[in-house]
N, C-alpha and C. Protein backbone atom coordinates (compact mmCIF):
# COMPACT_ATOMS: atom_id res chain seq x y z
N MET A 1 34.80 -102.89 32.59
CA MET A 1 33.75 -101.93 32.31
C MET A 1 32.45 -102.68 32.01
N ILE A 2 31.39 -102.28 32.66
CA ILE A 2 30.09 -102.91 32.47
C ILE A 2 29.30 -102.13 31.42
N HIS A 3 28.72 -102.86 30.48
CA HIS A 3 27.90 -102.25 29.44
C HIS A 3 26.43 -102.41 29.84
N TRP A 4 25.75 -101.28 30.00
CA TRP A 4 24.35 -101.27 30.45
C TRP A 4 23.40 -101.19 29.27
N PRO A 5 22.17 -101.69 29.37
CA PRO A 5 21.59 -102.38 30.52
C PRO A 5 22.16 -103.78 30.67
N ALA A 6 21.77 -104.42 31.76
CA ALA A 6 22.27 -105.75 32.08
C ALA A 6 21.18 -106.51 32.83
N ILE A 7 21.46 -107.78 33.12
CA ILE A 7 20.56 -108.55 33.97
C ILE A 7 21.37 -109.19 35.08
N ILE A 8 20.73 -109.32 36.23
CA ILE A 8 21.32 -110.06 37.34
C ILE A 8 20.78 -111.48 37.25
N GLU A 9 21.67 -112.44 37.33
CA GLU A 9 21.29 -113.85 37.38
C GLU A 9 21.52 -114.30 38.82
N PHE A 10 20.44 -114.56 39.54
CA PHE A 10 20.56 -114.91 40.96
C PHE A 10 21.02 -116.35 41.12
N ALA A 11 22.06 -116.54 41.92
CA ALA A 11 22.68 -117.86 42.09
C ALA A 11 21.77 -118.86 42.78
N ASP A 12 20.83 -118.38 43.57
CA ASP A 12 19.97 -119.29 44.33
C ASP A 12 18.78 -119.79 43.52
N GLY A 13 18.80 -119.55 42.22
CA GLY A 13 17.72 -120.02 41.36
C GLY A 13 16.47 -119.17 41.39
N GLN A 14 16.57 -117.97 41.91
CA GLN A 14 15.41 -117.09 42.02
C GLN A 14 15.17 -116.26 40.77
N GLY A 15 15.84 -116.59 39.69
CA GLY A 15 15.56 -115.92 38.42
C GLY A 15 16.51 -114.82 38.06
N TYR A 16 15.94 -113.77 37.46
CA TYR A 16 16.71 -112.69 36.87
C TYR A 16 16.08 -111.35 37.22
N ALA A 17 16.87 -110.30 37.08
CA ALA A 17 16.36 -108.94 37.26
C ALA A 17 17.04 -108.05 36.23
N TRP A 18 16.25 -107.18 35.60
CA TRP A 18 16.76 -106.22 34.62
C TRP A 18 17.26 -105.00 35.37
N VAL A 19 18.44 -104.51 35.01
CA VAL A 19 19.00 -103.31 35.64
C VAL A 19 19.60 -102.40 34.58
N ALA A 20 19.41 -101.10 34.77
CA ALA A 20 19.93 -100.11 33.82
C ALA A 20 21.21 -99.46 34.28
N SER A 21 21.55 -99.63 35.58
CA SER A 21 22.73 -98.95 36.12
C SER A 21 23.22 -99.66 37.37
N ALA A 22 24.41 -99.27 37.83
CA ALA A 22 24.97 -99.84 39.06
C ALA A 22 24.08 -99.55 40.26
N GLU A 23 23.44 -98.40 40.27
CA GLU A 23 22.56 -98.05 41.38
C GLU A 23 21.40 -99.03 41.48
N GLU A 24 20.87 -99.44 40.34
CA GLU A 24 19.76 -100.39 40.34
C GLU A 24 20.20 -101.78 40.79
N VAL A 25 21.45 -102.13 40.53
CA VAL A 25 21.96 -103.43 40.98
C VAL A 25 21.85 -103.51 42.50
N ALA A 26 22.28 -102.47 43.19
CA ALA A 26 22.24 -102.46 44.65
C ALA A 26 20.82 -102.60 45.19
N GLU A 27 19.84 -102.07 44.48
CA GLU A 27 18.44 -102.16 44.91
C GLU A 27 17.95 -103.60 44.98
N HIS A 28 18.55 -104.49 44.22
CA HIS A 28 18.13 -105.90 44.20
C HIS A 28 18.85 -106.73 45.27
N ARG A 29 19.72 -106.10 46.03
CA ARG A 29 20.45 -106.75 47.12
C ARG A 29 21.10 -108.06 46.68
N PRO A 30 21.98 -107.99 45.71
CA PRO A 30 22.62 -109.22 45.25
C PRO A 30 23.47 -109.85 46.35
N ARG A 31 23.64 -111.13 46.24
CA ARG A 31 24.43 -111.89 47.21
C ARG A 31 25.64 -112.49 46.51
N ASP A 32 26.58 -112.94 47.31
CA ASP A 32 27.76 -113.59 46.76
C ASP A 32 27.34 -114.72 45.83
N GLY A 33 27.94 -114.76 44.66
CA GLY A 33 27.65 -115.81 43.70
C GLY A 33 26.68 -115.40 42.61
N ASP A 34 25.93 -114.31 42.82
CA ASP A 34 25.06 -113.82 41.76
C ASP A 34 25.94 -113.29 40.63
N ARG A 35 25.41 -113.29 39.41
CA ARG A 35 26.17 -112.79 38.27
C ARG A 35 25.44 -111.64 37.62
N LEU A 36 26.22 -110.69 37.14
CA LEU A 36 25.70 -109.60 36.32
C LEU A 36 26.10 -109.92 34.89
N LEU A 37 25.12 -110.01 34.00
CA LEU A 37 25.37 -110.31 32.59
C LEU A 37 25.11 -109.04 31.81
N ASP A 38 26.17 -108.47 31.24
CA ASP A 38 26.01 -107.16 30.60
C ASP A 38 25.73 -107.27 29.11
N SER A 39 25.44 -106.12 28.51
CA SER A 39 25.03 -106.06 27.11
C SER A 39 26.08 -106.55 26.13
N SER A 40 27.33 -106.59 26.55
CA SER A 40 28.39 -107.05 25.65
C SER A 40 28.57 -108.56 25.69
N GLY A 41 27.86 -109.23 26.61
CA GLY A 41 28.01 -110.68 26.74
C GLY A 41 28.98 -111.08 27.84
N GLN A 42 29.49 -110.11 28.56
CA GLN A 42 30.44 -110.38 29.64
C GLN A 42 29.71 -110.70 30.93
N ALA A 43 30.19 -111.70 31.64
CA ALA A 43 29.65 -112.05 32.96
C ALA A 43 30.55 -111.45 34.03
N HIS A 44 29.93 -110.94 35.08
CA HIS A 44 30.65 -110.36 36.22
C HIS A 44 30.12 -111.03 37.47
N LEU A 45 31.00 -111.63 38.26
CA LEU A 45 30.60 -112.24 39.52
C LEU A 45 30.42 -111.15 40.55
N LEU A 46 29.27 -111.15 41.24
CA LEU A 46 28.97 -110.12 42.23
C LEU A 46 29.30 -110.62 43.63
N SER A 47 29.82 -109.72 44.45
CA SER A 47 30.06 -110.04 45.85
C SER A 47 29.99 -108.76 46.67
N GLN A 48 29.62 -108.91 47.93
CA GLN A 48 29.56 -107.77 48.84
C GLN A 48 30.93 -107.56 49.47
N GLN A 49 31.36 -106.35 49.48
CA GLN A 49 32.58 -105.98 50.18
C GLN A 49 32.17 -105.40 51.53
N THR A 50 33.13 -105.16 52.38
CA THR A 50 32.83 -104.53 53.66
C THR A 50 32.25 -103.15 53.41
N GLY A 51 31.36 -102.72 54.27
CA GLY A 51 30.74 -101.42 54.10
C GLY A 51 29.63 -101.41 53.08
N ASP A 52 29.06 -102.58 52.77
CA ASP A 52 27.95 -102.71 51.82
C ASP A 52 28.31 -102.30 50.39
N GLU A 53 29.57 -102.16 50.08
CA GLU A 53 29.96 -101.83 48.71
C GLU A 53 29.92 -103.08 47.85
N LEU A 54 29.38 -102.95 46.67
CA LEU A 54 29.25 -104.08 45.76
C LEU A 54 30.49 -104.18 44.88
N TYR A 55 30.98 -105.38 44.71
CA TYR A 55 32.16 -105.61 43.89
C TYR A 55 31.77 -106.50 42.71
N CYS A 56 32.14 -106.10 41.51
CA CYS A 56 31.89 -106.88 40.30
C CYS A 56 33.22 -107.37 39.74
N GLN A 57 33.39 -108.68 39.70
CA GLN A 57 34.62 -109.25 39.18
C GLN A 57 34.35 -109.85 37.80
N PRO A 58 34.96 -109.28 36.75
CA PRO A 58 34.75 -109.83 35.40
C PRO A 58 35.20 -111.29 35.34
N GLN A 59 34.43 -112.11 34.67
CA GLN A 59 34.76 -113.52 34.50
C GLN A 59 35.38 -113.73 33.13
N PRO A 60 36.34 -114.64 33.02
CA PRO A 60 37.04 -114.81 31.74
C PRO A 60 36.18 -115.40 30.63
N GLN A 61 35.17 -116.18 30.98
CA GLN A 61 34.35 -116.81 29.95
C GLN A 61 33.14 -115.95 29.62
N LEU A 62 32.68 -116.07 28.38
CA LEU A 62 31.45 -115.40 27.98
C LEU A 62 30.25 -116.21 28.46
N VAL A 63 29.11 -115.61 28.40
CA VAL A 63 27.87 -116.26 28.84
C VAL A 63 27.50 -117.38 27.87
N SER A 64 27.15 -118.54 28.41
CA SER A 64 26.68 -119.66 27.59
C SER A 64 25.21 -119.46 27.26
N LEU A 65 24.89 -119.30 25.99
CA LEU A 65 23.49 -119.13 25.59
C LEU A 65 22.65 -120.37 25.88
N LEU A 66 23.25 -121.54 25.82
CA LEU A 66 22.53 -122.77 26.13
C LEU A 66 22.06 -122.75 27.58
N GLU A 67 22.98 -122.43 28.50
CA GLU A 67 22.63 -122.36 29.92
C GLU A 67 21.67 -121.20 30.19
N LEU A 68 21.90 -120.07 29.55
CA LEU A 68 21.05 -118.91 29.74
C LEU A 68 19.62 -119.21 29.29
N ASN A 69 19.46 -119.85 28.14
CA ASN A 69 18.12 -120.19 27.65
C ASN A 69 17.41 -121.13 28.62
N ALA A 70 18.12 -122.09 29.17
CA ALA A 70 17.51 -123.01 30.13
C ALA A 70 17.04 -122.25 31.37
N GLY A 71 17.87 -121.35 31.87
CA GLY A 71 17.49 -120.56 33.04
C GLY A 71 16.34 -119.62 32.76
N LEU A 72 16.33 -119.01 31.59
CA LEU A 72 15.24 -118.10 31.23
C LEU A 72 13.92 -118.84 31.06
N ARG A 73 13.97 -120.05 30.50
CA ARG A 73 12.74 -120.85 30.38
C ARG A 73 12.17 -121.16 31.76
N GLU A 74 13.04 -121.56 32.67
CA GLU A 74 12.61 -121.88 34.03
C GLU A 74 12.03 -120.64 34.72
N TYR A 75 12.69 -119.51 34.54
CA TYR A 75 12.22 -118.26 35.13
C TYR A 75 10.86 -117.86 34.56
N ALA A 76 10.72 -117.93 33.25
CA ALA A 76 9.44 -117.58 32.61
C ALA A 76 8.33 -118.50 33.09
N ALA A 77 8.62 -119.79 33.21
CA ALA A 77 7.61 -120.74 33.68
C ALA A 77 7.20 -120.42 35.12
N SER A 78 8.15 -120.00 35.95
CA SER A 78 7.82 -119.66 37.34
C SER A 78 6.91 -118.43 37.42
N LEU A 79 6.92 -117.62 36.37
CA LEU A 79 6.06 -116.44 36.31
C LEU A 79 4.71 -116.74 35.65
N GLY A 80 4.52 -117.99 35.23
CA GLY A 80 3.25 -118.39 34.64
C GLY A 80 3.17 -118.22 33.14
N VAL A 81 4.30 -118.01 32.48
CA VAL A 81 4.31 -117.88 31.02
C VAL A 81 4.18 -119.28 30.42
N CYS A 82 3.30 -119.41 29.43
CA CYS A 82 3.11 -120.72 28.81
C CYS A 82 4.04 -120.88 27.60
N CYS A 83 4.14 -122.09 27.11
CA CYS A 83 4.94 -122.41 25.91
C CYS A 83 6.40 -122.02 26.07
N THR A 84 6.96 -122.20 27.25
CA THR A 84 8.35 -121.80 27.47
C THR A 84 9.33 -122.68 26.71
N SER A 85 8.91 -123.86 26.28
CA SER A 85 9.82 -124.72 25.53
C SER A 85 10.24 -124.08 24.21
N LYS A 86 9.42 -123.16 23.71
CA LYS A 86 9.72 -122.46 22.47
C LYS A 86 10.54 -121.19 22.70
N LEU A 87 10.72 -120.83 23.94
CA LEU A 87 11.43 -119.59 24.27
C LEU A 87 12.93 -119.78 24.03
N THR A 88 13.49 -118.98 23.16
CA THR A 88 14.92 -119.04 22.85
C THR A 88 15.43 -117.65 22.52
N VAL A 89 16.56 -117.30 23.14
CA VAL A 89 17.24 -116.05 22.79
C VAL A 89 18.52 -116.42 22.06
N ARG A 90 18.91 -115.57 21.11
CA ARG A 90 20.12 -115.82 20.33
C ARG A 90 21.27 -114.93 20.73
N THR A 91 20.96 -113.87 21.47
CA THR A 91 22.00 -112.94 21.91
C THR A 91 21.69 -112.51 23.34
N LEU A 92 22.68 -111.97 23.99
CA LEU A 92 22.45 -111.46 25.34
C LEU A 92 21.54 -110.25 25.30
N ALA A 93 21.60 -109.47 24.23
CA ALA A 93 20.69 -108.32 24.10
C ALA A 93 19.24 -108.80 24.09
N GLU A 94 18.96 -109.91 23.41
CA GLU A 94 17.62 -110.48 23.42
C GLU A 94 17.24 -110.97 24.81
N ALA A 95 18.19 -111.55 25.53
CA ALA A 95 17.93 -112.02 26.90
C ALA A 95 17.59 -110.86 27.82
N ILE A 96 18.32 -109.77 27.68
CA ILE A 96 18.08 -108.59 28.51
C ILE A 96 16.69 -108.02 28.20
N ALA A 97 16.34 -107.95 26.92
CA ALA A 97 15.01 -107.46 26.54
C ALA A 97 13.91 -108.39 27.05
N LEU A 98 14.16 -109.69 27.01
CA LEU A 98 13.17 -110.66 27.49
C LEU A 98 12.93 -110.49 28.99
N VAL A 99 14.00 -110.35 29.76
CA VAL A 99 13.84 -110.17 31.22
C VAL A 99 13.07 -108.88 31.50
N ALA A 100 13.38 -107.82 30.77
CA ALA A 100 12.64 -106.56 30.95
C ALA A 100 11.16 -106.77 30.66
N TRP A 101 10.83 -107.51 29.60
CA TRP A 101 9.45 -107.79 29.24
C TRP A 101 8.77 -108.65 30.30
N LEU A 102 9.47 -109.69 30.77
CA LEU A 102 8.89 -110.57 31.79
C LEU A 102 8.57 -109.81 33.07
N GLU A 103 9.40 -108.85 33.43
CA GLU A 103 9.17 -108.07 34.65
C GLU A 103 7.92 -107.20 34.53
N GLN A 104 7.50 -106.90 33.32
CA GLN A 104 6.32 -106.06 33.11
C GLN A 104 5.03 -106.87 33.08
N GLN A 105 5.15 -108.18 33.01
CA GLN A 105 3.96 -109.04 32.92
C GLN A 105 3.31 -109.23 34.27
């Protein structure tokens, strides 16, 4: 079960996207290897099934905040945000809120 809202972490290094529902996930056209990080801290590996149906496979490990912070800093810097070295989230809820804020900038 996915807890919304969530963020998509693109495997190709293209950053993150905030999503409120499964319908919004499809709008971002995720590819094999992208991950959905939900509000509970659970990671789900995304893959396309035949017929354009999206499949989310829960991963056994929780999201690493160390890795997530590094990725979020890189993403924020790519958007032109300054002082990204100070950017740190302590929870996945904070990460989801940060991605939502970054998308509005």
